Protein backbone atom coordinates (compact mmCIF):
# COMPACT_ATOMS: atom_id res chain seq x y z
CA MET A 1 -16.97 -9.95 14.15
CA ARG A 2 -16.93 -13.96 13.34
CA CYS A 3 -14.95 -15.56 10.86
CA ARG A 4 -15.70 -17.51 7.79
CA GLY A 5 -13.94 -20.67 7.24
CA LEU A 6 -9.94 -21.17 7.87
CA CYS A 7 -8.20 -18.25 8.02
CA ARG A 8 -6.44 -18.37 4.30
CA PHE A 9 -5.57 -15.24 3.91
CA LEU A 10 -1.67 -14.39 4.31
CA CYS A 11 -1.78 -10.14 4.96
CA SER A 12 2.39 -9.01 5.21
CA VAL A 13 4.13 -6.17 5.34
CA VAL A 14 7.18 -5.87 3.31
CA PRO A 15 9.56 -3.50 3.06
CA ILE A 16 10.18 -3.94 -0.68
CA PRO A 17 7.50 -5.14 -3.11
CA ASN A 18 6.85 -8.05 -5.02
CA SER A 19 9.29 -10.22 -2.71
CA SER A 20 10.65 -13.71 -3.17
CA VAL A 21 8.62 -14.60 0.16
CA GLY A 22 4.86 -13.08 -0.79
CA ASN A 23 5.67 -15.38 -4.07
CA GLN A 24 6.60 -18.25 -2.48
CA ALA A 25 3.90 -18.36 0.05
CA ALA A 26 1.40 -17.15 -2.62
CA VAL A 27 -1.78 -19.63 -4.18
CA SER A 28 -3.05 -16.64 -6.04
CA ILE A 29 -1.09 -13.09 -5.73
CA TYR A 30 -1.92 -10.23 -7.12
CA TYR A 31 0.43 -7.83 -8.13
CA ASP A 32 0.23 -3.58 -7.37
CA ARG A 33 0.03 -3.56 -11.35
CA GLU A 34 -3.05 -5.09 -11.40
CA ILE A 35 -4.93 -4.19 -8.48
CA ILE A 36 -3.41 -0.57 -10.01
CA ALA A 37 -5.31 -1.34 -13.20
CA GLU A 38 -8.13 -2.06 -12.14
CA ILE A 39 -8.59 1.07 -9.93
CA SER A 40 -7.52 3.04 -13.16
CA LYS A 41 -10.30 1.26 -15.30
CA ARG A 42 -13.02 1.50 -12.39
CA THR A 43 -11.61 5.42 -11.70
CA ASN A 44 -10.61 6.84 -15.17
CA LEU A 45 -7.37 8.34 -13.43
CA ALA A 46 -4.27 7.74 -14.93
CA GLU A 47 -2.57 4.72 -13.78
CA GLN A 48 0.88 6.79 -13.04
CA TYR A 49 -1.46 9.04 -10.84
CA ILE A 50 -2.83 6.72 -9.05
CA GLU A 51 0.63 4.88 -8.32
CA GLN A 52 1.46 8.46 -6.77
CA ILE A 53 -2.11 8.77 -5.10
CA ILE A 54 -0.58 5.58 -3.29
CA GLU A 55 3.08 6.33 -2.24
CA GLN A 56 2.38 9.74 -1.49
CA LYS A 57 1.52 10.92 1.90
CA PRO A 58 -2.02 10.76 2.90
CA ILE A 59 -3.72 14.04 2.00
CA THR A 60 -6.43 15.25 4.58
CA ALA A 61 -9.75 16.66 3.93
CA PHE A 62 -9.65 20.31 5.28
CA PRO A 63 -5.98 21.83 5.96
CA ILE A 64 -7.19 24.85 7.85
CA HIS A 65 -4.29 27.78 7.95
CA ILE A 66 -4.71 31.02 9.21
CA GLY A 67 -7.08 32.92 7.09
CA ARG A 68 -9.07 30.13 5.86
CA SER A 69 -12.38 29.93 6.11
CA LEU A 70 -13.96 26.79 7.76
CA TYR A 71 -16.56 26.67 4.28
CA PRO A 72 -16.52 23.58 3.06
CA MET A 73 -14.74 24.00 -0.15
CA ALA A 74 -14.54 21.01 -3.09
CA ASN A 75 -11.10 19.74 -1.88
CA SER A 76 -10.56 17.53 -5.44
CA ALA A 77 -7.00 16.21 -4.45
CA TYR A 78 -8.59 14.30 -1.27
CA GLU A 79 -12.03 13.75 -3.29
CA GLN A 80 -10.07 11.71 -5.79
CA SER A 81 -6.85 10.09 -3.54
CA HIS A 82 -10.52 9.14 -0.62
CA ALA A 83 -11.85 7.42 -3.97
CA VAL A 84 -8.90 5.25 -5.12
CA MET A 85 -8.61 4.29 -1.77
CA GLN A 86 -12.08 2.98 -1.57
CA GLU A 87 -11.47 1.19 -4.69
CA GLN A 88 -8.76 -0.42 -3.45
CA ASN A 89 -10.91 -1.71 -0.55
CA LYS A 90 -12.85 -2.80 -2.58
CA ILE A 91 -10.90 -4.35 -4.89
CA ILE A 92 -8.50 -6.12 -2.16
CA ARG A 93 -11.85 -7.25 -0.71
CA GLU A 94 -13.38 -8.82 -3.89
CA MET A 95 -9.58 -11.04 -4.79
CA ALA A 96 -9.93 -12.65 -1.46
CA LYS A 97 -13.38 -13.74 -2.01
CA GLN A 98 -12.40 -14.87 -5.22
CA SER A 99 -10.03 -17.33 -4.23
CA ASP A 100 -6.09 -17.85 -1.53
CA CYS A 101 -4.43 -14.96 -2.13
CA VAL A 102 -1.20 -12.84 -0.53
CA ILE A 103 -1.77 -9.16 0.33
CA VAL A 104 1.06 -7.62 0.00
CA GLY A 105 0.87 -4.42 2.03
CA ARG A 106 -2.11 -1.77 1.70
CA CYS A 107 -3.44 -2.56 4.78
CA GLY A 108 -4.72 -5.46 3.85
CA ASP A 109 -4.77 -6.89 7.53
CA ASP A 110 -7.36 -4.09 8.62
CA ILE A 111 -9.52 -4.55 4.80
CA LEU A 112 -9.78 -8.39 5.44
CA GLU A 113 -10.82 -7.87 8.78
CA ASP A 114 -13.42 -9.85 8.90
CA PHE A 115 -11.87 -12.72 7.17
CA CYS A 116 -9.52 -12.84 10.35
CA PRO A 117 -6.31 -12.68 7.72
CA PHE A 118 -2.76 -14.62 8.58
CA ARG A 119 -0.94 -10.98 9.41
CA ILE A 120 2.93 -12.00 9.47
CA PHE A 121 5.49 -9.00 9.10
CA VAL A 122 8.82 -9.79 7.15
CA TYR A 123 12.01 -7.52 8.09
CA ALA A 124 15.57 -7.34 7.28
CA ASP A 125 18.10 -4.89 8.51
CA LEU A 126 19.09 -1.99 6.64
CA GLU A 127 22.36 -3.01 4.95
CA GLN A 128 20.65 -6.11 3.48
CA ARG A 129 17.39 -3.99 2.00
CA ILE A 130 19.76 -1.26 0.80
CA THR A 131 22.05 -4.03 -0.92
CA ARG A 132 19.04 -6.04 -2.56
CA CYS A 133 17.69 -2.36 -4.30
CA MET A 134 21.11 -1.48 -5.28
CA ASN A 135 21.37 -4.92 -6.82
CA ARG A 136 18.06 -4.41 -8.48
CA LEU A 137 18.91 -1.17 -10.23
CA THR A 138 18.37 -0.64 -13.80
CA GLY A 139 21.13 0.58 -15.72
CA ASP A 140 19.22 4.23 -16.18
CA GLU A 141 18.89 4.51 -12.48
CA ILE A 142 22.25 5.27 -10.58
CA TYR A 143 22.05 6.12 -6.69
CA THR A 144 24.96 6.28 -4.31
CA GLN A 145 24.55 4.00 -1.11
CA GLU A 146 23.79 6.97 1.08
CA GLU A 147 21.17 8.16 -1.90
CA MET A 148 19.73 4.78 -1.29
CA LYS A 149 19.57 4.32 2.32
CA ARG A 150 17.84 7.87 2.41
CA LYS A 151 15.37 6.68 -0.55
CA VAL A 152 14.47 3.32 1.63
CA LEU A 153 13.97 4.92 4.99
CA SER A 154 11.63 7.52 3.10
CA VAL A 155 9.89 5.08 1.33
CA ASP A 156 9.74 2.97 5.65
CA ARG A 157 8.64 6.30 6.34
CA ASN A 158 5.16 6.98 4.04
CA ARG A 159 3.93 3.49 4.34
CA GLN A 160 4.13 3.64 8.05
CA LYS A 161 2.03 7.16 7.71
CA TYR A 162 -0.33 5.31 5.11
CA TYR A 163 -1.20 2.19 7.15
CA GLU A 164 -1.56 4.61 10.28
CA TYR A 165 -3.60 7.16 8.20
CA TYR A 166 -5.56 4.49 6.73
CA ALA A 167 -5.91 1.56 8.78
CA GLU A 168 -6.31 4.19 11.87
CA LYS A 169 -4.05 2.65 14.16
CA SER A 170 0.00 1.90 14.74
CA GLY A 171 1.43 -0.86 13.36
CA GLY A 172 1.97 -2.06 9.20
């Protein structure tokens, strides 16, 4: 693997999206909304559906159960999930080629591995993350501390599974 130029990409994994760390570190920053909108344009899938695909547990190709044939049947959920991830990878690579940028999550360090990204992991303890999430709630959202704790831990688990599945390595 040969690295081109300076390591100019900051690929970070942050427990809470659009973090102030990411905002301060970027020369050009691309938020989830812009990436999702571009994927939607390229795949003709609704933005809300794309968000669900990205935030949910990865879909495996052929779940095999007792009584199910090994005959390869079309699995549209898998195919759509795969198409979304391929487009996301293309978009991230295109963004990185255009300018300096911060990629928060999305396996950015793995996708941009041949660019020699600068990878950091930003961490906050659970109580601070819960407090931050509680402070960011809008008027129509109501969570108890315990509900928010479960939600934060669930997001952590899903992001870990996402990274392990798509980057094919542990970490993230």
